[in-house]
C-alpha atoms as a PDB file:
ATOM      1  CA  MET A   1     -20.961 183.756  74.710  1.00  0.00           C
ATOM      2  CA  ARG A   2     -21.529 181.407  77.598  1.00  0.00           C
ATOM      3  CA  ASN A   3     -24.228 179.530  75.683  1.00  0.00           C
ATOM      4  CA  MET A   4     -21.841 179.145  72.745  1.00  0.00           C
ATOM      5  CA  GLN A   5     -19.185 177.631  75.053  1.00  0.00           C
ATOM      6  CA  ARG A   6     -21.714 175.179  76.434  1.00  0.00           C
ATOM      7  CA  TYR A   7     -22.763 174.245  72.907  1.00  0.00           C
ATOM      8  CA  VAL A   8     -19.141 173.603  71.850  1.00  0.00           C
ATOM      9  CA  ALA A   9     -18.492 171.550  74.992  1.00  0.00           C
ATOM     10  CA  LEU A  10     -21.623 169.452  74.366  1.00  0.00           C
ATOM     11  CA  CYS A  11     -20.638 168.829  70.752  1.00  0.00           C
ATOM     12  CA  GLY A  12     -17.150 167.795  71.875  1.00  0.00           C
ATOM     13  CA  THR A  13     -18.545 165.363  74.419  1.00  0.00           C
ATOM     14  CA  LEU A  14     -20.938 163.805  71.915  1.00  0.00           C
ATOM     15  CA  SER A  15     -18.144 163.459  69.340  1.00  0.00           C
ATOM     16  CA  PHE A  16     -15.895 161.730  71.876  1.00  0.00           C
ATOM     17  CA  PHE A  17     -18.722 159.358  72.835  1.00  0.00           C
ATOM     18  CA  ILE A  18     -19.484 158.486  69.211  1.00  0.00           C
ATOM     19  CA  VAL A  19     -15.815 157.851  68.379  1.00  0.00           C
ATOM     20  CA  THR A  20     -15.347 155.723  71.502  1.00  0.00           C
ATOM     21  CA  VAL A  21     -18.406 153.563  70.744  1.00  0.00           C
ATOM     22  CA  SER A  22     -17.317 153.191  67.113  1.00  0.00           C
ATOM     23  CA  MET A  23     -13.821 152.079  68.115  1.00  0.00           C
ATOM     24  CA  TRP A  24     -15.210 149.616  70.665  1.00  0.00           C
ATOM     25  CA  THR A  25     -17.603 148.151  68.093  1.00  0.00           C
ATOM     26  CA  LEU A  26     -14.744 147.828  65.603  1.00  0.00           C
ATOM     27  CA  ASN A  27     -12.522 146.130  68.193  1.00  0.00           C
ATOM     28  CA  VAL A  28     -15.302 143.708  69.135  1.00  0.00           C
ATOM     29  CA  ASN A  29     -15.948 142.838  65.499  1.00  0.00           C
ATOM     30  CA  GLU A  30     -12.248 142.331  64.797  1.00  0.00           C
ATOM     31  CA  LEU A  31     -11.794 140.107  67.866  1.00  0.00           C
ATOM     32  CA  VAL A  32     -14.869 138.073  67.031  1.00  0.00           C
ATOM     33  CA  LYS A  33     -13.603 137.671  63.470  1.00  0.00           C
ATOM     34  CA  GLU A  34     -10.031 136.789  64.476  1.00  0.00           C
ATOM     35  CA  TYR A  35     -10.613 134.556  67.479  1.00  0.00           C
ATOM     36  CA  GLY A  36     -14.063 133.187  66.763  1.00  0.00           C
ATOM     37  CA  MET A  37     -15.491 134.286  70.104  1.00  0.00           C
ATOM     38  CA  ARG A  38     -19.249 133.969  70.138  1.00  0.00           C
ATOM     39  CA  ARG A  39     -21.632 136.598  71.354  1.00  0.00           C
ATOM     40  CA  ARG A  40     -24.309 135.977  73.941  1.00  0.00           C
ATOM     41  CA  LYS A  41     -27.726 135.026  72.659  1.00  0.00           C
ATOM     42  CA  SER A  42     -29.214 138.164  74.189  1.00  0.00           C
ATOM     43  CA  GLY A  43     -27.728 140.114  71.291  1.00  0.00           C
ATOM     44  CA  ILE A  44     -25.503 142.256  73.489  1.00  0.00           C
ATOM     45  CA  ASP A  45     -22.054 142.771  71.965  1.00  0.00           C
ATOM     46  CA  SER A  46     -19.960 140.890  74.502  1.00  0.00           C
ATOM     47  CA  PHE A  47     -17.961 137.693  74.616  1.00  0.00           C
ATOM     48  CA  ASP A  48     -18.996 134.360  76.099  1.00  0.00           C
ATOM     49  CA  GLU A  49     -17.946 134.084  79.683  1.00  0.00           C
ATOM     50  CA  LYS A  50     -14.874 131.947  80.223  1.00  0.00           C
ATOM     51  CA  CYS A  51     -15.711 128.295  80.808  1.00  0.00           C
ATOM     52  CA  ILE A  52     -15.181 127.141  84.371  1.00  0.00           C
ATOM     53  CA  SER A  53     -14.504 130.612  85.707  1.00  0.00           C
ATOM     54  CA  SER A  54     -15.275 129.255  89.171  1.00  0.00           C
ATOM     55  CA  THR A  55     -14.138 125.986  90.752  1.00  0.00           C
ATOM     56  CA  THR A  56     -17.362 125.727  92.737  1.00  0.00           C
ATOM     57  CA  ASP A  57     -19.966 126.537  90.097  1.00  0.00           C
ATOM     58  CA  CYS A  58     -19.361 125.786  86.428  1.00  0.00           C
ATOM     59  CA  ASP A  59     -20.852 124.287  83.280  1.00  0.00           C
ATOM     60  CA  LEU A  60     -19.060 120.963  82.898  1.00  0.00           C
ATOM     61  CA  THR A  61     -20.314 120.678  79.306  1.00  0.00           C
ATOM     62  CA  CYS A  62     -18.962 124.062  78.176  1.00  0.00           C
ATOM     63  CA  LEU A  63     -15.706 122.712  76.714  1.00  0.00           C
ATOM     64  CA  GLU A  64     -15.765 119.811  74.242  1.00  0.00           C
ATOM     65  CA  TRP A  65     -13.697 116.890  75.542  1.00  0.00           C
ATOM     66  CA  THR A  66     -12.386 113.816  73.731  1.00  0.00           C
ATOM     67  CA  LEU A  67     -10.821 111.121  75.904  1.00  0.00           C
ATOM     68  CA  VAL A  68      -8.762 108.261  74.455  1.00  0.00           C
ATOM     69  CA  LEU A  69      -8.881 105.285  76.834  1.00  0.00           C
ATOM     70  CA  ALA A  70      -6.414 102.552  75.966  1.00  0.00           C
ATOM     71  CA  MET A  71      -4.957  99.263  77.161  1.00  0.00           C
ATOM     72  CA  GLY A  72      -1.341 100.164  76.430  1.00  0.00           C
ATOM     73  CA  ARG A  73       0.870  98.902  73.601  1.00  0.00           C
ATOM     74  CA  SER A  74      -2.146  99.217  71.336  1.00  0.00           C
ATOM     75  CA  GLY A  75      -1.319 102.386  69.406  1.00  0.00           C
ATOM     76  CA  SER A  76      -2.822 104.958  71.758  1.00  0.00           C
ATOM     77  CA  THR A  77      -0.017 107.443  71.050  1.00  0.00           C
ATOM     78  CA  THR A  78      -0.825 107.240  67.351  1.00  0.00           C
ATOM     79  CA  VAL A  79      -4.515 107.864  68.088  1.00  0.00           C
ATOM     80  CA  GLN A  80      -3.665 110.834  70.298  1.00  0.00           C
ATOM     81  CA  GLN A  81      -1.310 112.322  67.703  1.00  0.00           C
ATOM     82  CA  MET A  82      -3.817 111.941  64.879  1.00  0.00           C
ATOM     83  CA  ILE A  83      -6.603 113.643  66.842  1.00  0.00           C
ATOM     84  CA  ALA A  84      -4.212 116.411  67.881  1.00  0.00           C
ATOM     85  CA  LYS A  85      -3.690 117.225  64.189  1.00  0.00           C
ATOM     86  CA  LEU A  86      -7.374 117.932  63.603  1.00  0.00           C
ATOM     87  CA  PRO A  87      -8.142 121.684  63.417  1.00  0.00           C
ATOM     88  CA  GLY A  88      -8.610 123.405  66.750  1.00  0.00           C
ATOM     89  CA  PHE A  89      -7.787 120.483  69.056  1.00  0.00           C
ATOM     90  CA  ASN A  90      -5.820 120.854  72.312  1.00  0.00           C
ATOM     91  CA  MET A  91      -4.934 117.167  72.730  1.00  0.00           C
ATOM     92  CA  TYR A  92      -2.485 115.992  75.402  1.00  0.00           C
ATOM     93  CA  GLY A  93      -0.585 112.793  76.053  1.00  0.00           C
ATOM     94  CA  GLU A  94      -0.716 110.705  79.214  1.00  0.00           C
ATOM     95  CA  GLU A  95      -0.938 112.412  82.580  1.00  0.00           C
ATOM     96  CA  GLY A  96      -0.143 109.544  84.959  1.00  0.00           C
ATOM     97  CA  GLY A  97      -3.671 108.815  86.134  1.00  0.00           C
ATOM     98  CA  LEU A  98      -3.974 112.215  87.785  1.00  0.00           C
ATOM     99  CA  LEU A  99      -7.769 112.063  87.931  1.00  0.00           C
ATOM    100  CA  HIS A 100      -7.410 109.418  90.637  1.00  0.00           C
ATOM    101  CA  LYS A 101      -6.134 112.202  92.904  1.00  0.00           C
ATOM    102  CA  PHE A 102      -9.212 114.319  92.253  1.00  0.00           C
ATOM    103  CA  ARG A 103     -11.453 111.324  92.921  1.00  0.00           C
ATOM    104  CA  ASP A 104      -9.615 110.789  96.196  1.00  0.00           C
ATOM    105  CA  ILE A 105     -10.333 114.424  97.143  1.00  0.00           C
ATOM    106  CA  GLN A 106     -14.013 113.896  96.376  1.00  0.00           C
ATOM    107  CA  SER A 107     -14.078 110.671  98.424  1.00  0.00           C
ATOM    108  CA  ARG A 108     -12.421 112.317 101.404  1.00  0.00           C
ATOM    109  CA  ILE A 109     -14.937 115.155 101.355  1.00  0.00           C
ATOM    110  CA  GLN A 110     -17.818 112.711 101.112  1.00  0.00           C
ATOM    111  CA  ILE A 111     -16.736 110.737 104.197  1.00  0.00           C
ATOM    112  CA  SER A 112     -15.651 113.744 106.268  1.00  0.00           C
ATOM    113  CA  PRO A 113     -16.492 113.285 109.973  1.00  0.00           C
ATOM    114  CA  ARG A 114     -19.614 115.052 111.182  1.00  0.00           C
ATOM    115  CA  GLY A 115     -18.917 118.615 112.157  1.00  0.00           C
ATOM    116  CA  LEU A 116     -16.497 119.565 109.382  1.00  0.00           C
ATOM    117  CA  PRO A 117     -17.582 122.342 106.985  1.00  0.00           C
ATOM    118  CA  TRP A 118     -18.280 119.999 104.071  1.00  0.00           C
ATOM    119  CA  TRP A 119     -20.623 117.685 105.954  1.00  0.00           C
ATOM    120  CA  GLY A 120     -24.080 117.477 104.422  1.00  0.00           C
ATOM    121  CA  SER A 121     -23.238 119.016 101.046  1.00  0.00           C
ATOM    122  CA  ILE A 122     -22.074 115.947  99.119  1.00  0.00           C
ATOM    123  CA  ASP A 123     -23.708 116.736  95.774  1.00  0.00           C
ATOM    124  CA  LYS A 124     -22.292 120.232  95.585  1.00  0.00           C
ATOM    125  CA  ASN A 125     -18.828 118.996  96.501  1.00  0.00           C
ATOM    126  CA  VAL A 126     -18.852 116.419  93.701  1.00  0.00           C
ATOM    127  CA  THR A 127     -19.528 119.219  91.225  1.00  0.00           C
ATOM    128  CA  SER A 128     -16.906 121.426  92.864  1.00  0.00           C
ATOM    129  CA  VAL A 129     -14.189 118.789  92.533  1.00  0.00           C
ATOM    130  CA  ALA A 130     -15.235 118.049  88.936  1.00  0.00           C
ATOM    131  CA  CYS A 131     -14.992 121.777  88.130  1.00  0.00           C
ATOM    132  CA  LEU A 132     -11.593 121.901  89.783  1.00  0.00           C
ATOM    133  CA  ALA A 133     -10.403 118.915  87.723  1.00  0.00           C
ATOM    134  CA  GLN A 134     -11.640 120.355  84.428  1.00  0.00           C
ATOM    135  CA  LYS A 135     -10.107 123.740  85.210  1.00  0.00           C
ATOM    136  CA  PHE A 136      -6.753 122.120  85.928  1.00  0.00           C
ATOM    137  CA  TYR A 137      -6.811 119.959  82.787  1.00  0.00           C
ATOM    138  CA  SER A 138      -7.873 122.758  80.466  1.00  0.00           C
ATOM    139  CA  GLU A 139      -5.246 125.216  81.723  1.00  0.00           C
ATOM    140  CA  ARG A 140      -2.298 122.986  82.577  1.00  0.00           C
ATOM    141  CA  HIS A 141      -0.514 123.745  79.303  1.00  0.00           C
ATOM    142  CA  GLY A 142      -1.421 127.416  79.337  1.00  0.00           C
ATOM    143  CA  ASP A 143      -4.054 127.014  76.633  1.00  0.00           C
ATOM    144  CA  THR A 144      -5.941 130.173  75.747  1.00  0.00           C
ATOM    145  CA  CYS A 145      -8.906 128.323  74.226  1.00  0.00           C
ATOM    146  CA  LEU A 146     -11.177 128.270  77.250  1.00  0.00           C
ATOM    147  CA  HIS A 147     -14.498 129.454  75.820  1.00  0.00           C
ATOM    148  CA  ARG A 148     -17.567 127.488  74.819  1.00  0.00           C
ATOM    149  CA  GLY A 149     -16.910 125.034  72.023  1.00  0.00           C
ATOM    150  CA  CYS A 150     -13.121 124.788  72.532  1.00  0.00           C
ATOM    151  CA  ARG A 151     -11.863 121.237  72.024  1.00  0.00           C
ATOM    152  CA  HIS A 152      -9.681 119.559  74.615  1.00  0.00           C
ATOM    153  CA  GLY A 153      -8.681 115.990  75.362  1.00  0.00           C
ATOM    154  CA  PHE A 154      -6.021 113.523  76.450  1.00  0.00           C
ATOM    155  CA  LYS A 155      -5.172 109.850  76.221  1.00  0.00           C
ATOM    156  CA  GLU A 156      -4.529 107.553  79.149  1.00  0.00           C
ATOM    157  CA  ILE A 157      -3.886 103.842  79.732  1.00  0.00           C
ATOM    158  CA  ARG A 158      -4.709 103.966  83.461  1.00  0.00           C
ATOM    159  CA  TYR A 159      -8.499 104.342  83.286  1.00  0.00           C
ATOM    160  CA  ARG A 160      -9.934 100.957  82.428  1.00  0.00           C
ATOM    161  CA  ASP A 161     -12.250  99.710  85.173  1.00  0.00           C
ATOM    162  CA  ALA A 162     -15.898 100.622  85.759  1.00  0.00           C
ATOM    163  CA  GLU A 163     -15.125 102.927  88.692  1.00  0.00           C
ATOM    164  CA  ASP A 164     -12.578 104.898  86.670  1.00  0.00           C
ATOM    165  CA  ILE A 165     -14.933 105.306  83.726  1.00  0.00           C
ATOM    166  CA  SER A 166     -17.805 106.332  86.002  1.00  0.00           C
ATOM    167  CA  TRP A 167     -15.601 109.078  87.473  1.00  0.00           C
ATOM    168  CA  LEU A 168     -14.600 110.239  83.986  1.00  0.00           C
ATOM    169  CA  LYS A 169     -18.292 110.575  83.109  1.00  0.00           C
ATOM    170  CA  THR A 170     -18.784 112.676  86.251  1.00  0.00           C
ATOM    171  CA  VAL A 171     -15.942 115.074  85.433  1.00  0.00           C
ATOM    172  CA  PHE A 172     -16.558 115.131  81.658  1.00  0.00           C
ATOM    173  CA  PRO A 173     -20.310 114.413  81.324  1.00  0.00           C
ATOM    174  CA  SER A 174     -20.559 115.222  77.596  1.00  0.00           C
ATOM    175  CA  ALA A 175     -17.171 113.835  76.513  1.00  0.00           C
ATOM    176  CA  LYS A 176     -16.634 111.654  73.482  1.00  0.00           C
ATOM    177  CA  PHE A 177     -14.619 108.508  74.203  1.00  0.00           C
ATOM    178  CA  VAL A 178     -12.250 106.688  71.864  1.00  0.00           C
ATOM    179  CA  LEU A 179     -11.478 103.121  72.972  1.00  0.00           C
ATOM    180  CA  ASN A 180      -8.120 101.720  71.868  1.00  0.00           C
ATOM    181  CA  TYR A 181      -7.115  98.053  72.329  1.00  0.00           C
ATOM    182  CA  ARG A 182      -5.895  94.952  70.506  1.00  0.00           C
ATOM    183  CA  LYS A 183      -8.501  92.614  69.031  1.00  0.00           C
ATOM    184  CA  LEU A 184      -6.067  89.739  68.599  1.00  0.00           C
ATOM    185  CA  CYS A 185      -2.828  88.848  70.320  1.00  0.00           C
ATOM    186  CA  SER A 186      -1.908  85.364  69.128  1.00  0.00           C
ATOM    187  CA  ASN A 187       1.445  84.392  70.700  1.00  0.00           C
ATOM    188  CA  TYR A 188       1.979  88.030  71.676  1.00  0.00           C
ATOM    189  CA  THR A 189       3.793  89.226  74.809  1.00  0.00           C
ATOM    190  CA  ASP A 190       4.031  92.953  75.338  1.00  0.00           C
ATOM    191  CA  THR A 191       6.803  94.990  76.942  1.00  0.00           C
ATOM    192  CA  PHE A 192       5.045  94.701  80.313  1.00  0.00           C
ATOM    193  CA  GLY A 193       5.368  90.926  80.219  1.00  0.00           C
ATOM    194  CA  ARG A 194       1.669  90.282  79.663  1.00  0.00           C
ATOM    195  CA  ASN A 195       0.951  87.266  77.514  1.00  0.00           C
ATOM    196  CA  CYS A 196      -1.983  86.757  75.200  1.00  0.00           C
ATOM    197  CA  SER A 197      -4.380  85.218  77.736  1.00  0.00           C
ATOM    198  CA  VAL A 198      -3.771  88.029  80.229  1.00  0.00           C
ATOM    199  CA  MET A 199      -4.280  90.691  77.580  1.00  0.00           C
ATOM    200  CA  GLU A 200      -7.500  89.105  76.347  1.00  0.00           C
ATOM    201  CA  ALA A 201      -8.853  89.051  79.899  1.00  0.00           C
ATOM    202  CA  HIS A 202      -7.922  92.709  80.316  1.00  0.00           C
ATOM    203  CA  ARG A 203      -9.557  93.606  77.001  1.00  0.00           C
ATOM    204  CA  LYS A 204     -12.829  91.883  77.914  1.00  0.00           C
ATOM    205  CA  SER A 205     -12.879  93.601  81.299  1.00  0.00           C
ATOM    206  CA  PHE A 206     -12.046  96.967  79.713  1.00  0.00           C
ATOM    207  CA  LEU A 207     -14.800  96.760  77.097  1.00  0.00           C
ATOM    208  CA  LYS A 208     -17.288  95.520  79.692  1.00  0.00           C
ATOM    209  CA  SER A 209     -16.530  98.564  81.868  1.00  0.00           C
ATOM    210  CA  ALA A 210     -17.078 100.863  78.878  1.00  0.00           C
ATOM    211  CA  GLU A 211     -20.436  99.367  77.858  1.00  0.00           C
ATOM    212  CA  ASN A 212     -22.481 102.094  79.535  1.00  0.00           C
ATOM    213  CA  LEU A 213     -20.737 105.008  77.826  1.00  0.00           C
ATOM    214  CA  THR A 214     -23.313 107.062  75.951  1.00  0.00           C
ATOM    215  CA  SER A 215     -20.796 108.018  73.262  1.00  0.00           C
ATOM    216  CA  SER A 216     -17.783 105.939  72.222  1.00  0.00           C
ATOM    217  CA  PHE A 217     -15.758 105.003  69.143  1.00  0.00           C
ATOM    218  CA  HIS A 218     -13.718 101.803  68.918  1.00  0.00           C
ATOM    219  CA  MET A 219     -10.261 102.186  67.373  1.00  0.00           C
ATOM    220  CA  PRO A 220      -8.486  98.807  67.698  1.00  0.00           C
ATOM    221  CA  ARG A 221      -4.795  98.372  66.968  1.00  0.00           C
ATOM    222  CA  GLU A 222      -5.571  96.288  63.884  1.00  0.00           C
ATOM    223  CA  GLU A 223      -7.400  99.218  62.245  1.00  0.00           C
ATOM    224  CA  LEU A 224      -4.702 101.871  62.625  1.00  0.00           C
ATOM    225  CA  GLU A 225      -3.560 101.582  59.006  1.00  0.00           C
ATOM    226  CA  ASN A 226      -7.114 101.788  57.681  1.00  0.00           C
ATOM    227  CA  LEU A 227      -7.565 105.339  56.372  1.00  0.00           C
ATOM    228  CA  THR A 228     -11.328 104.839  56.036  1.00  0.00           C
ATOM    229  CA  LYS A 229     -11.486 104.062  59.757  1.00  0.00           C
ATOM    230  CA  TRP A 230      -9.711 107.338  60.509  1.00  0.00           C
ATOM    231  CA  GLY A 231     -12.286 109.119  58.378  1.00  0.00           C
ATOM    232  CA  ASP A 232     -15.007 107.509  60.476  1.00  0.00           C
ATOM    233  CA  LEU A 233     -13.257 108.729  63.627  1.00  0.00           C
ATOM    234  CA  ALA A 234     -13.058 112.271  62.254  1.00  0.00           C
ATOM    235  CA  ASP A 235     -16.771 112.120  61.467  1.00  0.00           C
ATOM    236  CA  TYR A 236     -17.500 110.919  65.023  1.00  0.00           C
ATOM    237  CA  LEU A 237     -15.547 113.876  66.407  1.00  0.00           C
ATOM    238  CA  GLY A 238     -17.474 116.351  64.262  1.00  0.00           C
ATOM    239  CA  TYR A 239     -15.059 116.676  61.322  1.00  0.00           C
ATOM    240  CA  ALA A 240     -17.094 115.050  58.562  1.00  0.00           C
ATOM    241  CA  SER A 241     -15.168 116.965  55.879  1.00  0.00           C
ATOM    242  CA  CYS A 242     -11.741 115.683  57.029  1.00  0.00           C
ATOM    243  CA  VAL A 243     -10.049 112.768  55.257  1.00  0.00           C
ATOM    244  CA  ALA A 244      -6.861 111.026  56.431  1.00  0.00           C
ATOM    245  CA  ARG A 245      -4.134 110.926  53.772  1.00  0.00           C
ATOM    246  CA  ASN A 246      -1.600 109.087  55.960  1.00  0.00           C
ATOM    247  CA  VAL A 247      -1.062 107.971  59.543  1.00  0.00           C
ATOM    248  CA  THR A 248       1.414 109.674  61.863  1.00  0.00           C
ATOM    249  CA  SER A 249       2.525 107.057  64.371  1.00  0.00           C
ATOM    250  CA  ALA A 250       5.141 106.678  67.104  1.00  0.00           C
ATOM    251  CA  ASN A 251       7.011 103.577  68.150  1.00  0.00           C
ATOM    252  CA  THR A 252       8.583 102.513  71.451  1.00  0.00           C
ATOM    253  CA  LYS A 253      11.814 104.353  70.646  1.00  0.00           C
ATOM    254  CA  HIS A 254       9.985 107.637  70.145  1.00  0.00           C
ATOM    255  CA  GLY A 255      10.608 107.535  66.419  1.00  0.00           C
ATOM    256  CA  TYR A 256       8.034 108.051  63.712  1.00  0.00           C
ATOM    257  CA  THR A 257       6.971 106.577  60.422  1.00  0.00           C
ATOM    258  CA  LYS A 258       8.208 108.011  57.152  1.00  0.00           C
ATOM    259  CA  HIS A 259       5.359 110.500  57.414  1.00  0.00           C
ATOM    260  CA  GLU A 260       7.001 113.120  59.568  1.00  0.00           C
ATOM    261  CA  ILE A 261       5.262 114.322  62.712  1.00  0.00           C
ATOM    262  CA  GLY A 262       5.256 117.891  61.371  1.00  0.00           C
ATOM    263  CA  VAL A 263       3.184 116.976  58.313  1.00  0.00           C
ATOM    264  CA  ASN A 264      -0.562 117.221  58.868  1.00  0.00           C
ATOM    265  CA  PRO A 265      -2.061 113.811  58.013  1.00  0.00           C
ATOM    266  CA  TRP A 266      -5.521 115.313  57.447  1.00  0.00           C
ATOM    267  CA  VAL A 267      -7.097 117.050  54.476  1.00  0.00           C
ATOM    268  CA  CYS A 268     -10.055 119.093  55.699  1.00  0.00           C
END
């Protein structure tokens, strides 16, 4: 009788274990299917670890970043909006040059007086601040796409000199850059009071500072109505199958073209 009880108990335990494993496998498969989470190369059924789980030790190339650097009054909002409409992109607008603050943190750590805890560990601190910056940017809108391969980006008109671009390369070492500017400005004065000669000088300086970027795509103001150019941009960003059918663009009064902002301008 006692042996029979042990046998029944063992069978019950094995059944519970089998059902539990089956349900877990089903849940994993469903989550992988629904959210596209990748499994580790080791073959173990588990999800990729969250990118930048630590602000002191992270893979700065885990997320895919696209940064639109612009001169202002050159259509950068249109470029940002168009990229944001591509599948799977978390693309933000301007953020007020916030990365300057992170660079200031890094600089202060680097020149800390002898005797403070950070002295003598400059390289590690640069990575730590870069991890902190990426973590802040990727989570600041509460995005849930924080695993390998997720696409993030923003546009900004405040990063134009060589020092700014060098810092961007430090924080986002594998980022793709889209450069937005005006090729021509004959008799043009923008809303900031800059005349043509000033703008041309700024453009030359801007493009000179961006010469050493390993990956960049030029999207000048004069090409914004060229649908073929948008197709080239999509290809550069890894969307070779996407074709632009119209251009969603904003003006200075926060209005839009006849193509409403809610309509996806891409066919993918």
